[in-house]
Every structure is written in C-alpha cells, then in structure tokens.
N, C-alpha and C. Protein backbone atom coordinates (compact mmCIF):
# COMPACT_ATOMS: atom_id res chain seq x y z
N UNK A 1 0.85 -1.20 0.00
CA UNK A 1 0.00 0.00 0.00
C UNK A 1 0.88 1.25 0.00
N UNK A 2 0.59 2.18 -0.90
CA UNK A 2 1.44 3.37 -1.01
C UNK A 2 1.07 4.41 0.05
N UNK A 3 1.90 5.47 0.14
CA UNK A 3 1.75 6.48 1.18
C UNK A 3 0.41 7.22 1.12
N UNK A 4 -0.05 7.68 -0.05
CA UNK A 4 -1.34 8.36 -0.09
C UNK A 4 -2.49 7.51 0.45
N UNK A 5 -2.48 6.23 0.12
CA UNK A 5 -3.55 5.35 0.61
C UNK A 5 -3.46 5.15 2.12
N UNK A 6 -2.23 5.11 2.64
CA UNK A 6 -2.05 5.00 4.10
C UNK A 6 -2.59 6.26 4.79
N UNK A 7 -2.36 7.42 4.19
CA UNK A 7 -2.88 8.66 4.76
C UNK A 7 -4.41 8.68 4.74
N UNK A 8 -4.98 8.12 3.70
CA UNK A 8 -6.44 8.04 3.60
C UNK A 8 -7.00 7.18 4.73
N UNK A 9 -6.37 6.03 4.97
CA UNK A 9 -6.82 5.14 6.05
C UNK A 9 -6.57 5.78 7.42
N UNK A 10 -5.47 6.53 7.54
CA UNK A 10 -5.18 7.23 8.79
C UNK A 10 -6.29 8.22 9.12
N UNK A 11 -6.84 8.85 8.09
CA UNK A 11 -7.92 9.81 8.30
C UNK A 11 -9.12 9.14 8.96
N UNK A 12 -9.41 7.92 8.59
CA UNK A 12 -10.53 7.18 9.18
C UNK A 12 -10.24 6.88 10.65
N UNK A 13 -9.02 6.47 10.95
CA UNK A 13 -8.63 6.18 12.34
C UNK A 13 -8.73 7.44 13.19
N UNK A 14 -8.24 8.56 12.65
CA UNK A 14 -8.26 9.82 13.40
C UNK A 14 -9.68 10.30 13.66
N UNK A 15 -10.61 9.89 12.84
CA UNK A 15 -12.01 10.26 13.05
C UNK A 15 -12.51 9.78 14.41
N UNK A 16 -12.17 8.56 14.77
CA UNK A 16 -12.62 8.00 16.04
C UNK A 16 -11.90 8.66 17.22
N UNK A 17 -10.63 9.01 17.02
CA UNK A 17 -9.89 9.73 18.06
C UNK A 17 -10.52 11.10 18.29
N UNK A 18 -10.86 11.76 17.20
CA UNK A 18 -11.52 13.07 17.27
C UNK A 18 -12.82 13.00 18.06
N UNK A 19 -13.64 11.99 17.77
CA UNK A 19 -14.93 11.86 18.46
C UNK A 19 -14.74 11.61 19.95
N UNK A 20 -13.72 10.84 20.30
CA UNK A 20 -13.46 10.55 21.71
C UNK A 20 -13.22 11.85 22.48
N UNK A 21 -12.36 12.71 21.95
CA UNK A 21 -12.05 13.95 22.65
C UNK A 21 -13.19 14.96 22.58
N UNK A 22 -13.96 14.93 21.49
CA UNK A 22 -15.08 15.86 21.36
C UNK A 22 -16.12 15.62 22.45
N UNK A 23 -16.35 14.35 22.79
CA UNK A 23 -17.34 14.02 23.80
C UNK A 23 -16.76 14.01 25.22
N UNK A 24 -15.47 14.24 25.33
CA UNK A 24 -14.84 14.33 26.65
C UNK A 24 -15.08 15.72 27.24
N UNK A 25 -15.06 15.81 28.55
CA UNK A 25 -15.33 17.07 29.23
C UNK A 25 -14.07 17.92 29.33
N UNK A 26 -14.27 19.23 29.34
CA UNK A 26 -13.17 20.14 29.60
C UNK A 26 -12.64 20.84 28.36
N UNK A 27 -12.03 21.99 28.60
CA UNK A 27 -11.48 22.80 27.51
C UNK A 27 -10.35 22.07 26.80
N UNK A 28 -9.48 21.40 27.57
CA UNK A 28 -8.35 20.69 26.96
C UNK A 28 -8.80 19.63 25.98
N UNK A 29 -9.87 18.92 26.32
CA UNK A 29 -10.39 17.87 25.44
C UNK A 29 -10.90 18.47 24.14
N UNK A 30 -11.59 19.62 24.23
CA UNK A 30 -12.14 20.26 23.03
C UNK A 30 -11.02 20.78 22.14
N UNK A 31 -9.98 21.33 22.74
CA UNK A 31 -8.83 21.81 21.96
C UNK A 31 -8.14 20.63 21.27
N UNK A 32 -8.00 19.52 22.00
CA UNK A 32 -7.40 18.32 21.42
C UNK A 32 -8.24 17.81 20.26
N UNK A 33 -9.56 17.84 20.42
CA UNK A 33 -10.46 17.41 19.35
C UNK A 33 -10.23 18.25 18.09
N UNK A 34 -10.08 19.56 18.28
CA UNK A 34 -9.82 20.44 17.13
C UNK A 34 -8.49 20.11 16.48
N UNK A 35 -7.47 19.84 17.29
CA UNK A 35 -6.14 19.50 16.75
C UNK A 35 -6.18 18.19 15.97
N UNK A 36 -6.87 17.20 16.51
CA UNK A 36 -6.97 15.91 15.83
C UNK A 36 -7.76 16.06 14.52
N UNK A 37 -8.83 16.84 14.57
CA UNK A 37 -9.60 17.06 13.34
C UNK A 37 -8.76 17.79 12.30
N UNK A 38 -7.96 18.75 12.74
CA UNK A 38 -7.08 19.48 11.83
C UNK A 38 -6.09 18.54 11.17
N UNK A 39 -5.54 17.62 11.95
CA UNK A 39 -4.60 16.64 11.40
C UNK A 39 -5.28 15.74 10.39
N UNK A 40 -6.50 15.32 10.71
CA UNK A 40 -7.25 14.46 9.79
C UNK A 40 -7.55 15.20 8.49
N UNK A 41 -7.94 16.47 8.60
CA UNK A 41 -8.21 17.27 7.40
C UNK A 41 -6.94 17.47 6.59
N UNK A 42 -5.80 17.60 7.28
CA UNK A 42 -4.52 17.77 6.58
C UNK A 42 -4.18 16.53 5.76
N UNK A 43 -4.51 15.35 6.26
CA UNK A 43 -4.23 14.13 5.49
C UNK A 43 -5.01 14.12 4.18
N UNK A 44 -6.18 14.77 4.18
CA UNK A 44 -6.97 14.85 2.94
C UNK A 44 -6.24 15.67 1.90
N UNK A 45 -5.58 16.73 2.36
CA UNK A 45 -4.80 17.57 1.44
C UNK A 45 -3.55 16.86 0.97
N UNK A 46 -2.86 16.21 1.90
CA UNK A 46 -1.58 15.59 1.59
C UNK A 46 -1.71 14.37 0.69
N UNK A 47 -2.71 13.53 0.93
CA UNK A 47 -2.79 12.31 0.13
C UNK A 47 -2.99 12.62 -1.35
N UNK A 48 -3.79 13.64 -1.64
CA UNK A 48 -4.00 14.02 -3.03
C UNK A 48 -2.75 14.63 -3.66
N UNK A 49 -2.07 15.50 -2.90
CA UNK A 49 -0.87 16.14 -3.42
C UNK A 49 0.23 15.13 -3.70
N UNK A 50 0.42 14.20 -2.77
CA UNK A 50 1.47 13.19 -2.94
C UNK A 50 1.14 12.25 -4.09
N UNK A 51 -0.12 11.85 -4.16
CA UNK A 51 -0.53 10.92 -5.22
C UNK A 51 -0.29 11.52 -6.60
N UNK A 52 -0.60 12.81 -6.75
CA UNK A 52 -0.43 13.46 -8.05
C UNK A 52 1.04 13.73 -8.36
N UNK A 53 1.78 14.22 -7.37
CA UNK A 53 3.18 14.59 -7.61
C UNK A 53 4.07 13.38 -7.86
N UNK A 54 3.73 12.24 -7.25
CA UNK A 54 4.55 11.03 -7.40
C UNK A 54 3.91 9.99 -8.31
N UNK A 55 2.82 10.39 -8.95
CA UNK A 55 2.11 9.48 -9.85
C UNK A 55 1.72 8.18 -9.14
N UNK A 56 1.11 8.34 -7.96
CA UNK A 56 0.70 7.19 -7.15
C UNK A 56 -0.82 7.06 -7.09
N UNK A 57 -1.49 7.59 -8.10
CA UNK A 57 -2.95 7.52 -8.13
C UNK A 57 -3.40 6.09 -8.42
N UNK A 58 -4.26 5.56 -7.56
CA UNK A 58 -4.75 4.19 -7.73
C UNK A 58 -6.28 4.19 -7.67
N UNK A 59 -6.88 3.12 -8.17
CA UNK A 59 -8.34 2.99 -8.09
C UNK A 59 -8.80 2.92 -6.64
N UNK A 60 -7.98 2.27 -5.79
CA UNK A 60 -8.29 2.21 -4.36
C UNK A 60 -8.38 3.62 -3.78
N UNK A 61 -7.41 4.46 -4.13
CA UNK A 61 -7.40 5.83 -3.63
C UNK A 61 -8.57 6.64 -4.15
N UNK A 62 -8.92 6.45 -5.42
CA UNK A 62 -10.05 7.18 -6.01
C UNK A 62 -11.35 6.86 -5.29
N UNK A 63 -11.47 5.62 -4.84
CA UNK A 63 -12.70 5.19 -4.16
C UNK A 63 -12.67 5.55 -2.68
N UNK A 64 -11.55 5.25 -2.01
CA UNK A 64 -11.47 5.40 -0.56
C UNK A 64 -11.31 6.85 -0.11
N UNK A 65 -10.67 7.69 -0.93
CA UNK A 65 -10.45 9.08 -0.51
C UNK A 65 -11.77 9.80 -0.24
N UNK A 66 -12.73 9.79 -1.17
CA UNK A 66 -14.01 10.44 -0.85
C UNK A 66 -14.78 9.75 0.26
N UNK A 67 -14.63 8.43 0.40
CA UNK A 67 -15.31 7.71 1.48
C UNK A 67 -14.74 8.14 2.83
N UNK A 68 -13.41 8.25 2.91
CA UNK A 68 -12.77 8.70 4.16
C UNK A 68 -13.21 10.12 4.50
N UNK A 69 -13.34 10.97 3.48
CA UNK A 69 -13.84 12.33 3.70
C UNK A 69 -15.23 12.29 4.32
N UNK A 70 -16.09 11.46 3.76
CA UNK A 70 -17.47 11.37 4.24
C UNK A 70 -17.52 10.87 5.68
N UNK A 71 -16.70 9.87 6.00
CA UNK A 71 -16.68 9.33 7.36
C UNK A 71 -16.28 10.40 8.35
N UNK A 72 -15.23 11.16 8.03
CA UNK A 72 -14.75 12.22 8.92
C UNK A 72 -15.81 13.30 9.11
N UNK A 73 -16.33 13.80 8.02
CA UNK A 73 -17.27 14.92 8.08
C UNK A 73 -18.60 14.51 8.71
N UNK A 74 -19.15 13.38 8.30
CA UNK A 74 -20.44 12.95 8.84
C UNK A 74 -20.33 12.59 10.32
N UNK A 75 -19.19 12.03 10.73
CA UNK A 75 -18.99 11.73 12.15
C UNK A 75 -19.04 13.02 12.97
N UNK A 76 -18.42 14.07 12.44
CA UNK A 76 -18.44 15.36 13.14
C UNK A 76 -19.85 15.92 13.19
N UNK A 77 -20.56 15.89 12.07
CA UNK A 77 -21.91 16.44 12.03
C UNK A 77 -22.87 15.69 12.95
N UNK A 78 -22.79 14.36 12.93
CA UNK A 78 -23.66 13.57 13.80
C UNK A 78 -23.33 13.82 15.28
N UNK A 79 -22.06 14.04 15.56
CA UNK A 79 -21.66 14.37 16.94
C UNK A 79 -22.22 15.73 17.34
N UNK A 80 -22.22 16.68 16.41
CA UNK A 80 -22.75 18.01 16.70
C UNK A 80 -24.25 17.96 16.97
N UNK A 81 -24.96 17.07 16.27
CA UNK A 81 -26.39 16.90 16.55
C UNK A 81 -26.58 16.38 17.97
N UNK A 82 -25.78 15.39 18.33
CA UNK A 82 -25.87 14.81 19.67
C UNK A 82 -25.58 15.87 20.74
N UNK A 83 -24.68 16.79 20.43
CA UNK A 83 -24.32 17.86 21.36
C UNK A 83 -25.24 19.07 21.22
N UNK A 84 -26.25 18.95 20.35
CA UNK A 84 -27.25 20.00 20.12
C UNK A 84 -26.61 21.31 19.65
N UNK A 85 -25.64 21.18 18.75
CA UNK A 85 -24.95 22.35 18.21
C UNK A 85 -25.50 22.77 16.85
N UNK A 86 -26.12 21.83 16.12
CA UNK A 86 -26.68 22.12 14.81
C UNK A 86 -28.01 21.38 14.66
N UNK A 87 -28.90 21.87 13.79
CA UNK A 87 -30.18 21.17 13.57
C UNK A 87 -30.00 19.90 12.76
N UNK A 88 -30.80 18.91 13.07
CA UNK A 88 -30.65 17.60 12.43
C UNK A 88 -30.98 17.64 10.94
N UNK A 89 -31.91 18.51 10.52
CA UNK A 89 -32.35 18.49 9.12
C UNK A 89 -31.20 18.78 8.16
N UNK A 90 -30.26 19.62 8.59
CA UNK A 90 -29.12 19.95 7.72
C UNK A 90 -28.27 18.70 7.45
N UNK A 91 -28.05 17.94 8.49
CA UNK A 91 -27.24 16.73 8.35
C UNK A 91 -27.99 15.68 7.54
N UNK A 92 -29.30 15.62 7.70
CA UNK A 92 -30.11 14.67 6.92
C UNK A 92 -29.97 14.98 5.43
N UNK A 93 -30.01 16.26 5.08
CA UNK A 93 -29.84 16.66 3.67
C UNK A 93 -28.47 16.22 3.15
N UNK A 94 -27.43 16.45 3.95
CA UNK A 94 -26.08 16.08 3.54
C UNK A 94 -25.94 14.57 3.40
N UNK A 95 -26.50 13.82 4.36
CA UNK A 95 -26.42 12.36 4.31
C UNK A 95 -27.16 11.83 3.08
N UNK A 96 -28.32 12.43 2.78
CA UNK A 96 -29.08 12.00 1.60
C UNK A 96 -28.27 12.21 0.33
N UNK A 97 -27.65 13.36 0.22
CA UNK A 97 -26.82 13.66 -0.95
C UNK A 97 -25.67 12.68 -1.05
N UNK A 98 -24.97 12.46 0.06
CA UNK A 98 -23.80 11.58 0.05
C UNK A 98 -24.22 10.14 -0.27
N UNK A 99 -25.37 9.72 0.24
CA UNK A 99 -25.84 8.35 -0.02
C UNK A 99 -26.14 8.15 -1.50
N UNK A 100 -26.79 9.14 -2.10
CA UNK A 100 -27.13 9.05 -3.52
C UNK A 100 -25.87 9.01 -4.38
N UNK A 101 -24.95 9.93 -4.11
CA UNK A 101 -23.73 10.01 -4.92
C UNK A 101 -22.86 8.77 -4.73
N UNK A 102 -22.74 8.30 -3.50
CA UNK A 102 -21.94 7.09 -3.24
C UNK A 102 -22.55 5.88 -3.93
N UNK A 103 -23.87 5.77 -3.89
CA UNK A 103 -24.55 4.65 -4.56
C UNK A 103 -24.30 4.69 -6.06
N UNK A 104 -24.38 5.87 -6.64
CA UNK A 104 -24.14 6.00 -8.08
C UNK A 104 -22.68 5.73 -8.43
N UNK A 105 -21.78 6.14 -7.54
CA UNK A 105 -20.35 5.86 -7.78
C UNK A 105 -20.09 4.35 -7.73
N UNK A 106 -20.72 3.66 -6.80
CA UNK A 106 -20.56 2.20 -6.71
C UNK A 106 -21.22 1.51 -7.90
N UNK A 107 -22.33 2.08 -8.37
CA UNK A 107 -22.98 1.53 -9.57
C UNK A 107 -22.04 1.64 -10.77
N UNK A 108 -21.41 2.80 -10.90
CA UNK A 108 -20.47 2.99 -12.00
C UNK A 108 -19.30 2.02 -11.88
N UNK A 109 -18.85 1.80 -10.64
CA UNK A 109 -17.75 0.87 -10.41
C UNK A 109 -18.13 -0.54 -10.83
N UNK A 110 -19.39 -0.91 -10.61
CA UNK A 110 -19.85 -2.25 -11.02
C UNK A 110 -19.82 -2.41 -12.53
N UNK A 111 -19.82 -1.27 -13.24
CA UNK A 111 -19.72 -1.29 -14.70
C UNK A 111 -18.29 -1.12 -15.18
N UNK A 112 -17.36 -1.15 -14.21
CA UNK A 112 -15.95 -1.01 -14.56
C UNK A 112 -15.49 0.42 -14.74
N UNK A 113 -16.29 1.37 -14.24
CA UNK A 113 -15.96 2.79 -14.38
C UNK A 113 -15.66 3.36 -13.00
N UNK A 114 -14.47 3.93 -12.84
CA UNK A 114 -14.08 4.55 -11.58
C UNK A 114 -14.22 6.06 -11.72
N UNK A 115 -15.09 6.64 -10.91
CA UNK A 115 -15.31 8.08 -10.95
C UNK A 115 -14.58 8.71 -9.77
N UNK A 116 -13.56 9.48 -10.08
CA UNK A 116 -12.79 10.15 -9.03
C UNK A 116 -13.58 11.33 -8.48
N UNK A 117 -13.17 11.81 -7.31
CA UNK A 117 -13.81 12.99 -6.72
C UNK A 117 -13.60 14.19 -7.63
N UNK A 118 -14.66 14.96 -7.85
CA UNK A 118 -14.60 16.12 -8.72
C UNK A 118 -14.14 17.36 -7.95
N UNK A 119 -13.85 18.44 -8.69
CA UNK A 119 -13.48 19.69 -8.03
C UNK A 119 -14.65 20.20 -7.19
N UNK A 120 -15.86 20.06 -7.73
CA UNK A 120 -17.03 20.48 -6.97
C UNK A 120 -17.18 19.69 -5.69
N UNK A 121 -16.87 18.40 -5.75
CA UNK A 121 -16.92 17.57 -4.55
C UNK A 121 -15.88 17.99 -3.53
N UNK A 122 -14.69 18.37 -4.02
CA UNK A 122 -13.64 18.83 -3.12
C UNK A 122 -14.03 20.17 -2.48
N UNK A 123 -14.63 21.07 -3.27
CA UNK A 123 -15.07 22.35 -2.73
C UNK A 123 -16.15 22.13 -1.67
N UNK A 124 -17.02 21.17 -1.93
CA UNK A 124 -18.06 20.82 -0.97
C UNK A 124 -17.44 20.34 0.33
N UNK A 125 -16.44 19.47 0.22
CA UNK A 125 -15.77 18.95 1.41
C UNK A 125 -15.08 20.07 2.18
N UNK A 126 -14.44 20.99 1.46
CA UNK A 126 -13.78 22.12 2.11
C UNK A 126 -14.80 22.97 2.87
N UNK A 127 -15.95 23.22 2.26
CA UNK A 127 -16.98 24.03 2.92
C UNK A 127 -17.48 23.35 4.19
N UNK A 128 -17.60 22.03 4.14
CA UNK A 128 -18.04 21.29 5.32
C UNK A 128 -16.98 21.31 6.42
N UNK A 129 -15.73 21.17 6.02
CA UNK A 129 -14.64 21.19 6.99
C UNK A 129 -14.53 22.57 7.64
N UNK A 130 -14.69 23.63 6.83
CA UNK A 130 -14.67 24.99 7.38
C UNK A 130 -15.80 25.17 8.38
N UNK A 131 -16.99 24.66 8.06
CA UNK A 131 -18.12 24.75 8.98
C UNK A 131 -17.81 24.03 10.30
N UNK A 132 -17.18 22.88 10.19
CA UNK A 132 -16.81 22.12 11.39
C UNK A 132 -15.79 22.90 12.22
N UNK A 133 -14.80 23.50 11.55
CA UNK A 133 -13.81 24.32 12.25
C UNK A 133 -14.49 25.45 13.01
N UNK A 134 -15.41 26.15 12.35
CA UNK A 134 -16.09 27.27 12.98
C UNK A 134 -16.88 26.82 14.21
N UNK A 135 -17.58 25.70 14.08
CA UNK A 135 -18.36 25.19 15.21
C UNK A 135 -17.45 24.76 16.35
N UNK A 136 -16.34 24.10 16.02
CA UNK A 136 -15.40 23.68 17.06
C UNK A 136 -14.78 24.88 17.76
N UNK A 137 -14.40 25.89 17.00
CA UNK A 137 -13.82 27.10 17.59
C UNK A 137 -14.83 27.80 18.49
N UNK A 138 -16.10 27.81 18.07
CA UNK A 138 -17.15 28.41 18.90
C UNK A 138 -17.31 27.63 20.20
N UNK A 139 -17.23 26.31 20.10
CA UNK A 139 -17.35 25.46 21.29
C UNK A 139 -16.19 25.70 22.24
N UNK A 140 -14.98 25.83 21.68
CA UNK A 140 -13.80 26.09 22.50
C UNK A 140 -13.90 27.45 23.18
N UNK A 141 -14.37 28.45 22.42
CA UNK A 141 -14.55 29.79 22.99
C UNK A 141 -15.53 29.76 24.16
N UNK A 142 -16.61 29.02 23.99
CA UNK A 142 -17.60 28.90 25.06
C UNK A 142 -17.00 28.27 26.30
N UNK A 143 -16.24 27.18 26.12
CA UNK A 143 -15.61 26.50 27.25
C UNK A 143 -14.61 27.42 27.94
N UNK A 144 -13.83 28.16 27.15
CA UNK A 144 -12.80 29.05 27.72
C UNK A 144 -13.44 30.18 28.52
N UNK A 145 -14.48 30.77 27.98
CA UNK A 145 -15.13 31.89 28.66
C UNK A 145 -15.86 31.43 29.92
N UNK A 146 -16.37 30.20 29.90
CA UNK A 146 -17.00 29.67 31.11
C UNK A 146 -15.98 29.51 32.23
N UNK A 147 -14.77 29.08 31.86
CA UNK A 147 -13.72 28.92 32.87
C UNK A 147 -13.28 30.27 33.42
N UNK A 148 -13.39 31.31 32.58
CA UNK A 148 -13.01 32.65 33.02
C UNK A 148 -14.16 33.38 33.71
N UNK A 149 -15.28 32.70 33.86
CA UNK A 149 -16.47 33.26 34.52
C UNK A 149 -17.01 34.49 33.77
N UNK A 150 -16.76 34.55 32.46
CA UNK A 150 -17.24 35.70 31.69
C UNK A 150 -18.32 35.32 30.68
N UNK A 151 -18.84 34.10 30.83
CA UNK A 151 -19.86 33.64 29.88
C UNK A 151 -21.23 34.17 30.28
N UNK A 152 -21.96 34.68 29.31
CA UNK A 152 -23.31 35.18 29.53
C UNK A 152 -24.31 34.33 28.74
N UNK A 153 -25.50 34.11 29.27
CA UNK A 153 -26.50 33.29 28.57
C UNK A 153 -26.79 33.78 27.14
N UNK A 154 -26.72 35.10 26.93
CA UNK A 154 -27.00 35.64 25.59
C UNK A 154 -25.99 35.15 24.56
N UNK A 155 -24.81 34.79 25.01
CA UNK A 155 -23.78 34.33 24.07
C UNK A 155 -24.18 33.02 23.39
N UNK A 156 -25.02 32.23 24.06
CA UNK A 156 -25.46 30.96 23.47
C UNK A 156 -26.15 31.18 22.13
N UNK A 157 -26.93 32.26 22.05
CA UNK A 157 -27.64 32.57 20.81
C UNK A 157 -26.66 32.93 19.70
N UNK A 158 -25.63 33.68 20.05
CA UNK A 158 -24.61 34.07 19.08
C UNK A 158 -23.87 32.85 18.57
N UNK A 159 -23.48 31.96 19.48
CA UNK A 159 -22.78 30.73 19.10
C UNK A 159 -23.65 29.88 18.19
N UNK A 160 -24.93 29.77 18.53
CA UNK A 160 -25.86 28.98 17.73
C UNK A 160 -26.01 29.56 16.33
N UNK A 161 -26.09 30.89 16.24
CA UNK A 161 -26.25 31.54 14.93
C UNK A 161 -25.02 31.34 14.05
N UNK A 162 -23.84 31.45 14.64
CA UNK A 162 -22.60 31.25 13.88
C UNK A 162 -22.55 29.84 13.31
N UNK A 163 -22.86 28.86 14.16
CA UNK A 163 -22.85 27.47 13.70
C UNK A 163 -23.91 27.21 12.65
N UNK A 164 -25.09 27.83 12.82
CA UNK A 164 -26.19 27.62 11.89
C UNK A 164 -25.83 28.11 10.49
N UNK A 165 -25.32 29.32 10.39
CA UNK A 165 -25.04 29.89 9.07
C UNK A 165 -23.82 29.25 8.42
N UNK A 166 -22.87 28.82 9.21
CA UNK A 166 -21.74 28.08 8.65
C UNK A 166 -22.22 26.77 8.05
N UNK A 167 -23.11 26.09 8.77
CA UNK A 167 -23.67 24.83 8.27
C UNK A 167 -24.58 25.05 7.07
N UNK A 168 -25.37 26.12 7.11
CA UNK A 168 -26.29 26.40 6.01
C UNK A 168 -25.52 26.60 4.70
N UNK A 169 -24.41 27.32 4.78
CA UNK A 169 -23.57 27.53 3.60
C UNK A 169 -23.03 26.21 3.07
N UNK A 170 -22.60 25.34 3.99
CA UNK A 170 -22.08 24.03 3.60
C UNK A 170 -23.16 23.18 2.94
N UNK A 171 -24.39 23.26 3.46
CA UNK A 171 -25.50 22.49 2.88
C UNK A 171 -25.78 22.95 1.45
N UNK A 172 -25.78 24.25 1.22
CA UNK A 172 -26.03 24.78 -0.13
C UNK A 172 -24.97 24.28 -1.11
N UNK A 173 -23.69 24.37 -0.72
CA UNK A 173 -22.61 23.91 -1.60
C UNK A 173 -22.68 22.40 -1.81
N UNK A 174 -23.12 21.68 -0.79
CA UNK A 174 -23.27 20.23 -0.90
C UNK A 174 -24.32 19.88 -1.95
N UNK A 175 -25.43 20.58 -1.93
CA UNK A 175 -26.50 20.34 -2.90
C UNK A 175 -26.06 20.72 -4.32
N UNK A 176 -25.37 21.84 -4.44
CA UNK A 176 -24.89 22.28 -5.75
C UNK A 176 -23.91 21.27 -6.34
N UNK A 177 -22.99 20.78 -5.51
CA UNK A 177 -22.00 19.82 -6.01
C UNK A 177 -22.67 18.50 -6.39
N UNK A 178 -23.74 18.14 -5.67
CA UNK A 178 -24.47 16.91 -6.00
C UNK A 178 -25.14 17.00 -7.36
N UNK A 179 -25.79 18.13 -7.61
CA UNK A 179 -26.44 18.35 -8.91
C UNK A 179 -25.39 18.35 -10.02
N UNK A 180 -24.26 19.01 -9.76
CA UNK A 180 -23.17 19.07 -10.75
C UNK A 180 -22.63 17.68 -11.05
N UNK A 181 -22.49 16.86 -10.01
CA UNK A 181 -21.99 15.48 -10.18
C UNK A 181 -22.93 14.69 -11.08
N UNK A 182 -24.22 14.77 -10.81
CA UNK A 182 -25.20 14.04 -11.60
C UNK A 182 -25.19 14.50 -13.05
N UNK A 183 -25.08 15.80 -13.25
CA UNK A 183 -25.08 16.34 -14.61
C UNK A 183 -23.83 15.93 -15.38
N UNK A 184 -22.67 16.05 -14.74
CA UNK A 184 -21.41 15.76 -15.42
C UNK A 184 -21.25 14.28 -15.75
N UNK A 185 -21.93 13.41 -15.00
CA UNK A 185 -21.82 11.96 -15.23
C UNK A 185 -23.12 11.35 -15.75
N UNK A 186 -23.98 12.20 -16.29
CA UNK A 186 -25.28 11.72 -16.76
C UNK A 186 -25.15 10.68 -17.86
N UNK A 187 -24.08 10.79 -18.67
CA UNK A 187 -23.91 9.84 -19.77
C UNK A 187 -23.73 8.41 -19.27
N UNK A 188 -23.12 8.27 -18.09
CA UNK A 188 -22.90 6.94 -17.51
C UNK A 188 -24.23 6.32 -17.08
N UNK A 189 -25.01 7.11 -16.34
CA UNK A 189 -26.25 6.58 -15.78
C UNK A 189 -27.35 6.47 -16.84
N UNK A 190 -27.39 7.43 -17.76
CA UNK A 190 -28.39 7.36 -18.83
C UNK A 190 -28.07 6.23 -19.80
N UNK A 191 -26.76 6.01 -20.03
CA UNK A 191 -26.35 4.91 -20.90
C UNK A 191 -26.74 3.57 -20.32
N UNK A 192 -26.58 3.43 -19.01
CA UNK A 192 -26.96 2.17 -18.34
C UNK A 192 -28.46 1.97 -18.39
N UNK A 193 -29.22 3.07 -18.24
CA UNK A 193 -30.68 2.97 -18.28
C UNK A 193 -31.16 2.54 -19.66
N UNK A 194 -30.53 3.08 -20.71
CA UNK A 194 -30.92 2.70 -22.07
C UNK A 194 -30.54 1.25 -22.36
N UNK A 195 -29.42 0.81 -21.79
CA UNK A 195 -28.96 -0.56 -22.04
C UNK A 195 -29.91 -1.58 -21.43
N UNK A 196 -30.61 -1.18 -20.35
CA UNK A 196 -31.51 -2.11 -19.67
C UNK A 196 -32.86 -2.21 -20.37
N UNK A 197 -33.15 -1.27 -21.29
CA UNK A 197 -34.44 -1.30 -21.99
C UNK A 197 -34.46 -2.36 -23.09
C-alpha cells in the first residue's frame, strides 16, 4: 500500500480519536479534538498532493479518498447533533446527498468505471470542513469563557447563529455539487438505463 492510501486510512482512524475527545469534558479535550480534526483534514490535502506529484494515483485511492472524507465529516456532524450544536435536518440533507452520490459511484464501479472525486466535490468537502472548524472554535470559545467566569446566557444565541449559518452555507454547496456530479456523469447513468431497456 502506497503512502497516499495510508494517509487516507489514517484519516478514518483519526475520526474516532476526534470523536473521543469531542465528547470528553473540559477545555483541553475540546482543543485536542480540534487539533486531531485538523490533522485528519490535513491528510486529505496531503494524500492528493502526494498521489499526483509522485504518480501514485490508484483505483483504491479514487474510491477510498471520498469515502474517508465522508466518514470524517459525517462523524463530526452527527456528533454536533448529539451535542445540540446544529439542527438535524441539515445533516439529513447532507447524508441523503452523500448516499445518492456514493450509490451512483458504486454503480459505475460495477460497470468497470471509476469516478474520481470532482473539483465540486472537493469544494463541498472544504466548505463542510470549514463549517466544522467554525463550530469547534465556537465550542472552545464557550468553554474558555465559562472557565473565566465571563460567559453570559445571551452568548449561546450568538454561538448557535454562527454554527447555523456556517452549516447552512455548507449544505447549499453540498447540494450544488451533488447536482453538478449528476449532470457531469449523466452519460454513464443514462447509458446504463438505455442498455436495460
């Protein structure tokens, strides 16, 4: 297994480490969660750069890289729902999109066609990661201010609004990238539909 693929698998492992610290109590745990998430997000950048620069692109990487992204991001979003940081409907929309696209990608694979992650898909992932960063930073700020005895109940509304709009932006980009994916690969799915008639 080459280095980019190892980094992809490392991202999946780091996802569980991130969740452990996110659900742990205390400011230190939340800061550690942010650091682990940052490292996991960095592996997403590095595996692609290394694969392209060293010509180590493989079918395994094309398939597992977007799957590892989904595991990391969806784990964070589902955790945020559990912590009541974001509304569930936003995550449901994202999961629905990811489920449809992943199913279509696997369908294409069954036909011997490997569809790599698109630029739109990467932009979508970046928007989701940025939203997660913003929510984590807001959570850390809340924990820090509570320890300094300077937290006010009104701040909860501000924190909630910041997280909401960061997530809303990510949801919009997620939907746009999904439509773009379907349109750009319509020849694959329409061709299969015609072949079955």
